[in-house]
C-alpha cells in the first residue's frame, strides 16, 4: 500500500473575529440565488470598513407562510473587519441593513 502525499495549505487564524448574520428572505420565483449573491457581493464590496468572507445558503422553504409566487431562502453572511481592529456590532448592522435594502429595491425580495 502506497500513501499519496497530500499538501495541506495553512490558513492563519484571523487576528480579529468576524460577525455572522443570517438573512431570511421571501424571494420571487424568477430570482435566482446567484442573483442574490451577486447583489450582496456588489453591496459589501463598496464598503470601506467591512468585507464579506462567506455567503452560505442555509435553507429553502415553500409553504403557507410564504407569499404566492415566492419561496423562502435563508443565507448566512460572515463579515470580517477590513480595519486593524475588531468590527463593532453597529458597523456590521449598518452593512447588513444596506445589503437588505439593496435586495428589496433591486430584486423585489421581502425581508422576513
Protein backbone atom coordinates (compact mmCIF):
# COMPACT_ATOMS: atom_id res chain seq x y z
CA UNK A 1 0.00 0.00 0.00
CA UNK A 2 1.38 3.34 -1.02
CA UNK A 3 0.07 6.50 0.51
CA UNK A 4 -0.19 9.56 -1.68
CA UNK A 5 1.38 12.72 -0.44
CA UNK A 6 -1.12 15.39 0.36
CA UNK A 7 -0.29 19.02 0.59
CA UNK A 8 -2.05 20.92 3.28
CA UNK A 9 -2.44 24.62 2.94
CA UNK A 10 -2.01 26.61 6.11
CA UNK A 11 -4.64 29.27 6.63
CA UNK A 12 -3.84 31.54 9.56
CA UNK A 13 -6.49 32.21 12.16
CA UNK A 14 -7.80 35.75 11.73
CA UNK A 15 -6.47 38.19 14.27
CA UNK A 16 -9.87 39.82 14.71
CA UNK A 17 -13.16 37.90 14.88
CA UNK A 18 -15.80 38.24 12.18
CA UNK A 19 -19.51 38.80 12.74
CA UNK A 20 -22.06 36.46 11.15
CA UNK A 21 -25.62 37.47 10.36
CA UNK A 22 -28.46 35.48 8.86
CA UNK A 23 -30.83 36.93 6.32
CA UNK A 24 -34.28 35.43 5.76
CA UNK A 25 -36.00 36.43 2.54
CA UNK A 26 -39.18 35.77 0.58
CA UNK A 27 -37.81 35.70 -2.96
CA UNK A 28 -39.82 35.88 -6.20
CA UNK A 29 -39.56 32.52 -8.00
CA UNK A 30 -37.91 34.17 -11.03
CA UNK A 31 -34.98 35.47 -8.91
CA UNK A 32 -32.09 33.03 -8.70
CA UNK A 33 -29.85 32.52 -5.66
CA UNK A 34 -26.83 33.63 -7.71
CA UNK A 35 -28.59 36.97 -8.36
CA UNK A 36 -28.92 37.43 -4.60
CA UNK A 37 -25.26 36.51 -4.04
CA UNK A 38 -24.10 38.96 -6.72
CA UNK A 39 -26.15 41.79 -5.23
CA UNK A 40 -24.78 41.02 -1.76
CA UNK A 41 -21.16 41.00 -3.01
CA UNK A 42 -21.64 44.20 -5.02
CA UNK A 43 -23.07 45.99 -1.99
CA UNK A 44 -20.45 44.83 0.51
CA UNK A 45 -17.54 45.47 -1.85
CA UNK A 46 -18.46 49.19 -1.80
CA UNK A 47 -17.86 49.30 1.96
CA UNK A 48 -14.59 50.61 3.38
CA UNK A 49 -14.65 49.08 6.86
CA UNK A 50 -16.36 45.72 6.32
CA UNK A 51 -15.62 42.81 3.99
CA UNK A 52 -17.53 39.62 3.25
CA UNK A 53 -15.74 36.30 3.54
CA UNK A 54 -18.60 33.85 3.26
CA UNK A 55 -22.13 33.53 1.93
CA UNK A 56 -23.73 30.23 2.93
CA UNK A 57 -27.08 29.03 1.71
CA UNK A 58 -28.89 27.68 4.78
CA UNK A 59 -32.44 26.77 3.86
CA UNK A 60 -35.21 26.88 1.24
CA UNK A 61 -38.86 26.93 2.28
CA UNK A 62 -42.01 26.78 0.18
CA UNK A 63 -45.28 26.70 2.02
CA UNK A 64 -48.22 28.51 3.51
CA UNK A 65 -46.17 31.15 5.32
CA UNK A 66 -44.61 32.48 2.11
CA UNK A 67 -46.43 34.82 -0.29
CA UNK A 68 -47.71 33.24 -3.50
CA UNK A 69 -45.09 33.37 -6.26
CA UNK A 70 -42.26 33.46 -3.71
CA UNK A 71 -40.04 30.98 -1.89
CA UNK A 72 -38.26 31.43 1.40
CA UNK A 73 -34.46 31.45 1.36
CA UNK A 74 -32.09 31.89 4.27
CA UNK A 75 -28.44 32.85 3.89
CA UNK A 76 -25.69 33.32 6.47
CA UNK A 77 -23.23 36.15 5.81
CA UNK A 78 -19.84 36.47 7.50
CA UNK A 79 -18.44 39.97 7.86
CA UNK A 80 -14.81 40.47 8.98
CA UNK A 81 -13.24 43.87 9.57
CA UNK A 82 -11.04 45.46 6.92
CA UNK A 83 -9.51 47.54 9.68
CA UNK A 84 -6.79 46.55 12.13
CA UNK A 85 -9.33 46.08 14.93
CA UNK A 86 -12.40 44.11 15.85
CA UNK A 87 -15.53 45.04 13.93
CA UNK A 88 -18.18 46.75 16.05
CA UNK A 89 -21.71 45.38 16.07
CA UNK A 90 -23.20 48.62 14.76
CA UNK A 91 -20.79 48.59 11.79
CA UNK A 92 -21.89 45.09 10.82
CA UNK A 93 -25.54 46.06 11.32
CA UNK A 94 -25.17 49.09 9.07
CA UNK A 95 -23.68 46.99 6.25
CA UNK A 96 -26.18 44.18 6.74
CA UNK A 97 -29.09 46.62 6.60
CA UNK A 98 -27.73 48.16 3.38
CA UNK A 99 -27.47 44.65 1.88
CA UNK A 100 -31.11 44.00 2.80
CA UNK A 101 -32.20 47.36 1.35
CA UNK A 102 -30.48 46.62 -1.97
CA UNK A 103 -32.08 43.18 -2.19
CA UNK A 104 -35.53 44.67 -1.56
CA UNK A 105 -35.10 47.53 -4.05
CA UNK A 106 -33.23 45.75 -6.85
CA UNK A 107 -34.61 42.20 -6.71
CA UNK A 108 -38.05 42.69 -5.18
CA UNK A 109 -37.45 40.34 -2.25
CA UNK A 110 -39.35 40.64 1.02
CA UNK A 111 -37.30 40.64 4.20
CA UNK A 112 -38.77 38.18 6.71
